[in-house]
Protein backbone atom coordinates (compact mmCIF):
# COMPACT_ATOMS: atom_id res chain seq x y z
CA MET A 1 -64.89 29.68 66.16
CA LYS A 2 -61.65 31.54 65.42
CA GLN A 3 -62.52 34.17 68.01
CA ARG A 4 -62.81 31.48 70.71
CA ILE A 5 -59.46 30.02 69.68
CA TYR A 6 -57.80 33.42 70.00
CA HIS A 7 -59.35 34.12 73.38
CA GLY A 8 -58.28 30.74 74.74
CA PHE A 9 -54.81 31.16 73.27
CA PHE A 10 -54.22 34.55 74.82
CA ARG A 11 -55.66 33.70 78.23
CA LYS A 12 -53.24 30.85 78.83
CA TYR A 13 -49.47 31.25 78.85
CA ARG A 14 -48.71 27.55 79.16
CA ASN A 15 -46.78 27.17 75.90
CA VAL A 16 -45.04 30.50 76.32
CA TYR A 17 -43.92 29.56 79.84
CA LEU A 18 -42.41 26.37 78.39
CA PHE A 19 -40.58 28.43 75.76
CA ILE A 20 -39.27 30.82 78.44
CA ALA A 21 -38.19 27.91 80.65
CA ILE A 22 -36.22 26.39 77.76
CA LEU A 23 -34.49 29.73 77.14
CA LEU A 24 -33.70 30.09 80.84
CA VAL A 25 -32.26 26.57 81.10
CA ALA A 26 -30.23 27.07 77.90
CA GLY A 27 -28.89 30.33 79.31
CA PHE A 28 -28.06 28.61 82.60
CA ALA A 29 -26.10 25.93 80.73
CA ALA A 30 -24.28 28.61 78.74
CA GLY A 31 -23.41 30.40 81.99
CA LEU A 32 -21.92 27.20 83.39
CA TYR A 33 -19.95 26.70 80.19
CA PHE A 34 -18.52 30.22 80.18
CA SER A 35 -17.62 29.86 83.86
CA LYS A 36 -14.45 28.20 82.55
CA THR A 37 -13.13 31.72 82.11
CA ILE A 38 -13.26 32.39 85.88
CA ASP A 39 -9.77 33.06 87.23
CA ILE A 40 -8.25 33.79 90.63
CA ASN A 41 -8.85 37.54 90.28
CA ASP A 42 -12.56 36.99 89.66
CA MET A 43 -12.75 34.87 92.81
CA LYS A 44 -10.91 37.48 94.88
CA ASN A 45 -13.16 40.26 93.59
CA PHE A 46 -16.24 38.16 94.31
CA THR A 47 -15.10 37.49 97.88
CA SER A 48 -14.37 41.18 98.42
CA TYR A 49 -17.80 42.07 97.05
CA LEU A 50 -19.58 39.71 99.45
CA ASN A 51 -17.51 40.87 102.42
CA SER A 52 -18.30 44.54 101.71
CA MET A 53 -21.90 44.05 100.62
CA SER A 54 -23.37 45.52 103.80
CA ASP A 55 -21.38 48.73 103.21
CA ASN A 56 -22.29 49.00 99.51
CA ALA A 57 -25.94 47.92 99.70
CA THR A 58 -28.42 49.80 97.57
CA SER A 59 -31.62 51.24 99.00
CA PHE A 60 -35.07 49.71 98.77
CA SER A 61 -36.21 52.56 96.53
CA GLY A 62 -33.26 52.02 94.19
CA GLN A 63 -33.97 48.30 93.86
CA PHE A 64 -37.68 48.98 93.41
CA LEU A 65 -37.06 51.56 90.69
CA SER A 66 -34.69 49.28 88.75
CA GLY A 67 -37.21 46.43 88.99
CA ILE A 68 -40.06 48.61 87.72
CA LEU A 69 -37.93 49.91 84.85
CA PHE A 70 -37.08 46.34 83.84
CA ILE A 71 -40.75 45.31 83.88
CA LEU A 72 -41.78 48.33 81.80
CA PHE A 73 -38.88 47.83 79.37
CA VAL A 74 -39.87 44.21 78.67
CA PHE A 75 -43.52 45.23 78.39
CA PHE A 76 -42.77 47.93 75.81
CA LEU A 77 -40.74 45.43 73.81
CA GLY A 78 -43.95 43.41 73.63
CA THR A 79 -45.74 46.32 71.98
CA SER A 80 -43.60 45.72 68.87
CA ILE A 81 -44.11 42.90 66.38
CA ILE A 82 -40.34 42.32 66.48
CA GLY A 83 -40.16 42.27 70.27
CA ILE A 84 -40.04 38.48 70.68
CA PRO A 85 -36.33 38.03 69.72
CA PHE A 86 -35.27 40.81 72.12
CA ILE A 87 -37.35 39.41 74.98
CA SER A 88 -35.95 35.93 74.28
CA PHE A 89 -32.41 37.33 74.46
CA ILE A 90 -33.14 39.00 77.80
CA VAL A 91 -34.48 35.75 79.28
CA PHE A 92 -31.48 33.84 77.92
CA THR A 93 -29.01 36.29 79.48
CA LYS A 94 -30.88 36.03 82.81
CA GLY A 95 -30.24 32.29 82.70
CA MET A 96 -26.57 32.93 81.85
CA GLN A 97 -26.18 35.22 84.84
CA ILE A 98 -27.69 32.62 87.16
CA GLY A 99 -25.50 29.81 85.81
CA PHE A 100 -22.34 31.92 85.97
CA SER A 101 -23.14 33.09 89.51
CA CYS A 102 -23.70 29.51 90.70
CA ALA A 103 -20.39 28.45 89.19
CA LEU A 104 -18.63 31.45 90.75
CA PHE A 105 -19.89 30.46 94.19
CA VAL A 106 -18.65 26.89 93.78
CA TYR A 107 -15.30 27.88 92.24
CA THR A 108 -14.66 30.39 95.02
CA TYR A 109 -15.95 28.53 98.08
CA GLN A 110 -16.12 24.85 97.00
CA LEU A 111 -18.70 23.05 99.21
CA LYS A 112 -19.42 26.21 101.14
CA GLY A 113 -20.46 27.74 97.84
CA ILE A 114 -23.51 25.46 97.73
CA ALA A 115 -24.66 27.03 101.00
CA GLY A 116 -24.05 30.43 99.40
CA ILE A 117 -26.24 29.53 96.44
CA ILE A 118 -29.05 28.37 98.73
CA LEU A 119 -28.78 31.25 101.19
CA THR A 120 -28.01 34.27 99.04
CA LEU A 121 -28.66 33.43 95.39
CA PHE A 122 -31.78 31.26 95.48
CA PRO A 123 -34.14 33.72 97.29
CA GLN A 124 -33.54 36.60 94.88
CA VAL A 125 -33.40 34.37 91.80
CA LEU A 126 -36.73 32.75 92.72
CA VAL A 127 -38.57 36.07 92.98
CA ASP A 128 -36.74 37.55 90.00
CA CYS A 129 -37.66 34.56 87.82
CA LEU A 130 -41.33 34.83 88.84
CA ALA A 131 -41.45 38.43 87.62
CA THR A 132 -39.39 37.63 84.52
CA PHE A 133 -41.59 34.67 83.57
CA LEU A 134 -44.83 36.60 83.95
CA ILE A 135 -43.84 39.84 82.20
CA SER A 136 -41.96 37.98 79.43
CA ALA A 137 -44.92 35.70 78.76
CA SER A 138 -47.30 38.65 78.79
CA ALA A 139 -45.08 40.69 76.46
CA ILE A 140 -44.53 37.78 74.07
CA GLN A 141 -48.27 37.15 73.93
CA LEU A 142 -48.86 40.83 73.23
CA SER A 143 -46.31 40.78 70.41
CA MET A 144 -47.87 37.63 68.95
CA TYR A 145 -51.29 39.23 69.24
CA LEU A 146 -50.07 42.20 67.21
CA ILE A 147 -48.57 39.89 64.57
CA ILE A 148 -51.87 38.03 64.24
CA SER A 149 -53.87 41.25 64.10
CA CYS A 150 -51.63 42.53 61.29
CA SER A 151 -51.88 39.31 59.27
CA ASN A 152 -55.54 38.51 59.94
CA LYS A 153 -58.45 40.60 58.74
CA GLU A 154 -60.61 39.46 61.62
CA ARG A 155 -60.92 42.04 64.38
CA LEU A 156 -59.50 40.81 67.67
CA ASP A 157 -60.58 41.80 71.17
CA PHE A 158 -57.91 44.28 72.29
CA ARG A 159 -59.94 45.31 75.34
CA LYS A 160 -59.79 41.77 76.69
CA LEU A 161 -56.05 41.69 76.06
CA ALA A 162 -55.56 45.08 77.76
CA ASP A 163 -57.34 43.83 80.91
CA SER A 164 -55.13 40.74 80.97
CA ILE A 165 -51.94 42.78 80.46
CA LEU A 166 -52.93 45.23 83.21
CA ASN A 167 -53.47 42.38 85.66
CA ASP A 168 -50.06 40.96 84.76
CA LEU A 169 -48.37 44.32 85.30
CA ILE A 170 -49.99 44.78 88.72
CA ILE A 171 -48.84 41.31 89.80
CA CYS A 172 -45.33 42.02 88.50
CA PHE A 173 -45.19 45.31 90.43
CA LEU A 174 -46.15 43.46 93.62
CA ILE A 175 -43.43 40.89 92.96
CA VAL A 176 -40.94 43.73 92.42
CA ILE A 177 -41.77 45.08 95.89
CA VAL A 178 -40.87 41.70 97.42
CA GLU A 179 -37.75 41.48 95.27
CA ALA A 180 -36.62 44.97 96.31
CA TYR A 181 -37.00 44.05 99.99
CA ILE A 182 -34.98 40.86 99.50
CA LYS A 183 -32.16 42.59 97.63
CA ALA A 184 -32.01 45.72 99.79
CA ASP A 185 -32.59 44.32 103.29
CA LEU A 186 -32.87 40.55 103.62
CA MET A 187 -29.92 39.87 101.31
CA ILE A 188 -27.50 41.74 103.57
CA GLN A 189 -28.49 39.56 106.52
CA LEU A 190 -28.19 36.38 104.45
CA VAL A 191 -24.77 37.38 103.12
CA ASN A 192 -23.57 38.16 106.64
CA LEU A 193 -24.83 34.74 107.73
CA PHE A 194 -23.03 33.11 104.82
CA ASN A 195 -19.79 34.90 105.67
CA LEU A 196 -19.98 33.49 109.21
CA ILE A 197 -20.17 29.90 107.91
CA GLY A 198 -16.86 28.09 108.18
CA LYS A 199 -15.15 30.80 110.25
């Protein structure tokens, strides 16, 4: 009976996704709160960054490598029984970055900033959050699995868990490919389109 409970628990990430969503929303709210520190220099630097983005764009391979390294880093945190707090902090800071970026758009461009959020921020955040949700949930489950295996004398099915983790990693790598394309190629076009708005 216990074995069935464990298998069902580790196959479904429903509760973990809820936990991650709460962390992300809390981080987003914190990012909005700390946006009070934005000053005129931050807005000027942000405008300069967007205007010169096509000249300073990173390559597809660079974006892909950074995405893969992030996925592997979160995964290896999950191989530790103390990995959950670190993974939670990473998710929270992701939310903070999103909230702060949204506020920076609005502070800098007012109503035009909403178009900037939709055009330039939303596409990359959507894909980034998909990868973050999946790898974070998988890593948290792995960490919880290790905690249970250390505190419970019953032998758990690590082969089943390994298959599940491998599937998650493959899906995350595919998402990273899409994310790298968006950040390296599509994002430049969207930023250029945003810069044309209101001219």
